[in-house]
């Protein structure tokens, strides 16, 4: 007989959890409350760092290969800026027109996932700027 493996993820809300937490906090000394507050801040910082890391990983795996491939195929310069808030700006610069053929499906997906798209000129170069908000993309997946 084959062994079955099971995983369980229980996200049911515990009744009266808030009341229990508040009661526990009320019973703490001021110093203990400060420690609880510091722990909460640590948890929030860790969650934000994890969110930013997941966002960067998502971009590097899902979007960057398409942008690099298109930059290579179109002889363009690709510049990527990583902001501390999780937004990512990718700019494709080229001297010629940018043609996004039907066969560039991965770039079309990358365009679709961008929060904002800007097409402009910078001197003799055409610039296609794509702005991604990794936090909102991950929240919607």
C-alpha atoms as a PDB file:
ATOM      1  CA  UNK A   1       0.000   0.000   0.000  1.00  0.00           C
ATOM      2  CA  UNK A   2       1.334   3.381  -1.014  1.00  0.00           C
ATOM      3  CA  UNK A   3       1.794   6.048   1.629  1.00  0.00           C
ATOM      4  CA  UNK A   4      -0.105   9.232   0.985  1.00  0.00           C
ATOM      5  CA  UNK A   5       1.314  12.580   1.864  1.00  0.00           C
ATOM      6  CA  UNK A   6      -0.950  15.333   3.075  1.00  0.00           C
ATOM      7  CA  UNK A   7      -0.363  18.976   3.785  1.00  0.00           C
ATOM      8  CA  UNK A   8      -2.809  21.134   5.619  1.00  0.00           C
ATOM      9  CA  UNK A   9      -3.029  24.911   5.814  1.00  0.00           C
ATOM     10  CA  UNK A  10      -5.541  26.046   8.405  1.00  0.00           C
ATOM     11  CA  UNK A  11      -6.384  29.735   8.101  1.00  0.00           C
ATOM     12  CA  UNK A  12      -9.616  29.648  10.031  1.00  0.00           C
ATOM     13  CA  UNK A  13     -10.005  32.602  12.302  1.00  0.00           C
ATOM     14  CA  UNK A  14      -9.819  31.731  15.963  1.00  0.00           C
ATOM     15  CA  UNK A  15     -12.836  33.127  17.718  1.00  0.00           C
ATOM     16  CA  UNK A  16     -12.124  35.783  20.283  1.00  0.00           C
ATOM     17  CA  UNK A  17      -8.471  36.012  19.241  1.00  0.00           C
ATOM     18  CA  UNK A  18      -8.485  39.803  19.409  1.00  0.00           C
ATOM     19  CA  UNK A  19     -10.020  39.759  22.871  1.00  0.00           C
ATOM     20  CA  UNK A  20      -7.419  37.278  24.054  1.00  0.00           C
ATOM     21  CA  UNK A  21      -4.557  39.358  22.618  1.00  0.00           C
ATOM     22  CA  UNK A  22      -5.868  42.569  24.162  1.00  0.00           C
ATOM     23  CA  UNK A  23      -6.283  40.862  27.536  1.00  0.00           C
ATOM     24  CA  UNK A  24      -2.718  39.570  27.384  1.00  0.00           C
ATOM     25  CA  UNK A  25      -1.376  43.025  26.473  1.00  0.00           C
ATOM     26  CA  UNK A  26      -3.306  44.687  29.286  1.00  0.00           C
ATOM     27  CA  UNK A  27      -1.710  42.304  31.756  1.00  0.00           C
ATOM     28  CA  UNK A  28       1.842  43.224  30.676  1.00  0.00           C
ATOM     29  CA  UNK A  29       4.115  45.726  32.359  1.00  0.00           C
ATOM     30  CA  UNK A  30       5.053  48.876  30.404  1.00  0.00           C
ATOM     31  CA  UNK A  31       8.466  47.369  29.631  1.00  0.00           C
ATOM     32  CA  UNK A  32       6.883  44.165  28.336  1.00  0.00           C
ATOM     33  CA  UNK A  33       4.486  46.192  26.193  1.00  0.00           C
ATOM     34  CA  UNK A  34       7.465  47.981  24.677  1.00  0.00           C
ATOM     35  CA  UNK A  35       9.023  44.600  23.857  1.00  0.00           C
ATOM     36  CA  UNK A  36       5.773  43.481  22.213  1.00  0.00           C
ATOM     37  CA  UNK A  37       5.663  46.695  20.181  1.00  0.00           C
ATOM     38  CA  UNK A  38       9.299  46.209  19.106  1.00  0.00           C
ATOM     39  CA  UNK A  39       8.508  42.624  18.102  1.00  0.00           C
ATOM     40  CA  UNK A  40       5.566  43.832  16.032  1.00  0.00           C
ATOM     41  CA  UNK A  41       7.842  46.319  14.270  1.00  0.00           C
ATOM     42  CA  UNK A  42      10.368  43.528  13.593  1.00  0.00           C
ATOM     43  CA  UNK A  43       7.639  41.344  12.089  1.00  0.00           C
ATOM     44  CA  UNK A  44       6.445  44.211   9.863  1.00  0.00           C
ATOM     45  CA  UNK A  45      10.015  44.983   8.682  1.00  0.00           C
ATOM     46  CA  UNK A  46      10.654  41.316   7.931  1.00  0.00           C
ATOM     47  CA  UNK A  47       7.381  41.056   5.992  1.00  0.00           C
ATOM     48  CA  UNK A  48       8.266  44.134   3.935  1.00  0.00           C
ATOM     49  CA  UNK A  49      11.757  42.795   3.207  1.00  0.00           C
ATOM     50  CA  UNK A  50      10.220  39.474   2.134  1.00  0.00           C
ATOM     51  CA  UNK A  51       7.708  41.297  -0.098  1.00  0.00           C
ATOM     52  CA  UNK A  52      10.515  43.238  -1.793  1.00  0.00           C
ATOM     53  CA  UNK A  53      12.620  40.094  -2.246  1.00  0.00           C
ATOM     54  CA  UNK A  54       9.666  38.181  -3.758  1.00  0.00           C
ATOM     55  CA  UNK A  55       8.937  41.138  -6.045  1.00  0.00           C
ATOM     56  CA  UNK A  56      12.495  41.289  -7.299  1.00  0.00           C
ATOM     57  CA  UNK A  57      12.547  37.516  -7.804  1.00  0.00           C
ATOM     58  CA  UNK A  58       9.250  37.703  -9.735  1.00  0.00           C
ATOM     59  CA  UNK A  59      10.623  40.427 -11.999  1.00  0.00           C
ATOM     60  CA  UNK A  60      13.938  38.632 -12.566  1.00  0.00           C
ATOM     61  CA  UNK A  61      12.189  35.380 -13.495  1.00  0.00           C
ATOM     62  CA  UNK A  62       9.018  36.538 -15.256  1.00  0.00           C
ATOM     63  CA  UNK A  63       9.821  39.857 -16.929  1.00  0.00           C
ATOM     64  CA  UNK A  64      13.560  40.481 -17.197  1.00  0.00           C
ATOM     65  CA  UNK A  65      14.284  37.567 -19.579  1.00  0.00           C
ATOM     66  CA  UNK A  66      11.673  38.934 -22.025  1.00  0.00           C
ATOM     67  CA  UNK A  67      13.086  42.445 -21.820  1.00  0.00           C
ATOM     68  CA  UNK A  68      16.661  41.228 -22.244  1.00  0.00           C
ATOM     69  CA  UNK A  69      15.669  39.073 -25.211  1.00  0.00           C
ATOM     70  CA  UNK A  70      13.898  41.968 -26.895  1.00  0.00           C
ATOM     71  CA  UNK A  71      16.796  44.336 -26.196  1.00  0.00           C
ATOM     72  CA  UNK A  72      19.187  41.833 -27.750  1.00  0.00           C
ATOM     73  CA  UNK A  73      16.967  41.262 -30.804  1.00  0.00           C
ATOM     74  CA  UNK A  74      16.351  44.985 -31.365  1.00  0.00           C
ATOM     75  CA  UNK A  75      19.943  46.106 -30.623  1.00  0.00           C
ATOM     76  CA  UNK A  76      18.693  48.267 -27.770  1.00  0.00           C
ATOM     77  CA  UNK A  77      20.090  49.349 -24.439  1.00  0.00           C
ATOM     78  CA  UNK A  78      18.130  48.015 -21.457  1.00  0.00           C
ATOM     79  CA  UNK A  79      18.410  49.916 -18.175  1.00  0.00           C
ATOM     80  CA  UNK A  80      16.717  48.608 -15.025  1.00  0.00           C
ATOM     81  CA  UNK A  81      16.276  50.632 -11.822  1.00  0.00           C
ATOM     82  CA  UNK A  82      15.204  48.992  -8.565  1.00  0.00           C
ATOM     83  CA  UNK A  83      13.533  51.410  -6.133  1.00  0.00           C
ATOM     84  CA  UNK A  84      13.450  50.749  -2.407  1.00  0.00           C
ATOM     85  CA  UNK A  85       9.631  50.725  -2.409  1.00  0.00           C
ATOM     86  CA  UNK A  86       9.409  47.749  -4.787  1.00  0.00           C
ATOM     87  CA  UNK A  87       8.829  49.665  -7.999  1.00  0.00           C
ATOM     88  CA  UNK A  88      11.008  48.721 -10.941  1.00  0.00           C
ATOM     89  CA  UNK A  89      11.655  50.893 -13.982  1.00  0.00           C
ATOM     90  CA  UNK A  90      12.931  49.273 -17.166  1.00  0.00           C
ATOM     91  CA  UNK A  91      13.921  51.516 -20.055  1.00  0.00           C
ATOM     92  CA  UNK A  92      14.662  50.283 -23.556  1.00  0.00           C
ATOM     93  CA  UNK A  93      16.686  52.801 -25.584  1.00  0.00           C
ATOM     94  CA  UNK A  94      17.364  52.541 -29.291  1.00  0.00           C
ATOM     95  CA  UNK A  95      18.262  54.796 -32.187  1.00  0.00           C
ATOM     96  CA  UNK A  96      15.785  53.165 -34.572  1.00  0.00           C
ATOM     97  CA  UNK A  97      12.063  52.557 -34.307  1.00  0.00           C
ATOM     98  CA  UNK A  98      10.946  49.868 -31.904  1.00  0.00           C
ATOM     99  CA  UNK A  99       8.878  47.233 -33.653  1.00  0.00           C
ATOM    100  CA  UNK A 100       7.077  44.735 -31.484  1.00  0.00           C
ATOM    101  CA  UNK A 101       6.216  41.928 -33.859  1.00  0.00           C
ATOM    102  CA  UNK A 102       3.558  39.308 -33.264  1.00  0.00           C
ATOM    103  CA  UNK A 103       6.309  36.800 -32.509  1.00  0.00           C
ATOM    104  CA  UNK A 104       7.440  38.895 -29.485  1.00  0.00           C
ATOM    105  CA  UNK A 105       4.810  37.344 -27.234  1.00  0.00           C
ATOM    106  CA  UNK A 106       6.912  37.402 -24.100  1.00  0.00           C
ATOM    107  CA  UNK A 107       7.473  41.147 -24.536  1.00  0.00           C
ATOM    108  CA  UNK A 108       3.761  41.650 -25.038  1.00  0.00           C
ATOM    109  CA  UNK A 109       3.159  39.940 -21.703  1.00  0.00           C
ATOM    110  CA  UNK A 110       5.852  42.148 -20.112  1.00  0.00           C
ATOM    111  CA  UNK A 111       4.089  45.220 -21.533  1.00  0.00           C
ATOM    112  CA  UNK A 112       0.746  44.000 -20.222  1.00  0.00           C
ATOM    113  CA  UNK A 113       2.159  43.557 -16.712  1.00  0.00           C
ATOM    114  CA  UNK A 114       3.598  47.088 -16.540  1.00  0.00           C
ATOM    115  CA  UNK A 115       1.809  49.581 -14.301  1.00  0.00           C
ATOM    116  CA  UNK A 116       2.784  52.471 -16.541  1.00  0.00           C
ATOM    117  CA  UNK A 117       4.234  52.748 -20.052  1.00  0.00           C
ATOM    118  CA  UNK A 118       5.977  55.830 -21.398  1.00  0.00           C
ATOM    119  CA  UNK A 119       7.280  56.285 -24.922  1.00  0.00           C
ATOM    120  CA  UNK A 120       9.474  59.326 -25.449  1.00  0.00           C
ATOM    121  CA  UNK A 121      12.520  60.694 -27.221  1.00  0.00           C
ATOM    122  CA  UNK A 122      15.801  61.472 -25.518  1.00  0.00           C
ATOM    123  CA  UNK A 123      17.928  63.234 -28.098  1.00  0.00           C
ATOM    124  CA  UNK A 124      18.292  60.837 -31.013  1.00  0.00           C
ATOM    125  CA  UNK A 125      17.076  57.844 -29.016  1.00  0.00           C
ATOM    126  CA  UNK A 126      13.606  56.436 -28.702  1.00  0.00           C
ATOM    127  CA  UNK A 127      12.889  55.367 -25.106  1.00  0.00           C
ATOM    128  CA  UNK A 128      10.284  52.838 -24.027  1.00  0.00           C
ATOM    129  CA  UNK A 129       9.980  53.049 -20.228  1.00  0.00           C
ATOM    130  CA  UNK A 130       8.031  50.394 -18.343  1.00  0.00           C
ATOM    131  CA  UNK A 131       7.243  50.805 -14.676  1.00  0.00           C
ATOM    132  CA  UNK A 132       6.368  47.779 -12.585  1.00  0.00           C
ATOM    133  CA  UNK A 133       5.023  47.689  -9.048  1.00  0.00           C
ATOM    134  CA  UNK A 134       6.094  44.280  -7.865  1.00  0.00           C
ATOM    135  CA  UNK A 135       3.940  44.517  -4.748  1.00  0.00           C
ATOM    136  CA  UNK A 136       0.686  45.070  -6.586  1.00  0.00           C
ATOM    137  CA  UNK A 137       1.480  42.436  -9.203  1.00  0.00           C
ATOM    138  CA  UNK A 138       2.195  39.824  -6.548  1.00  0.00           C
ATOM    139  CA  UNK A 139      -0.939  40.782  -4.633  1.00  0.00           C
ATOM    140  CA  UNK A 140      -3.056  40.164  -7.727  1.00  0.00           C
ATOM    141  CA  UNK A 141      -1.552  36.759  -8.503  1.00  0.00           C
END
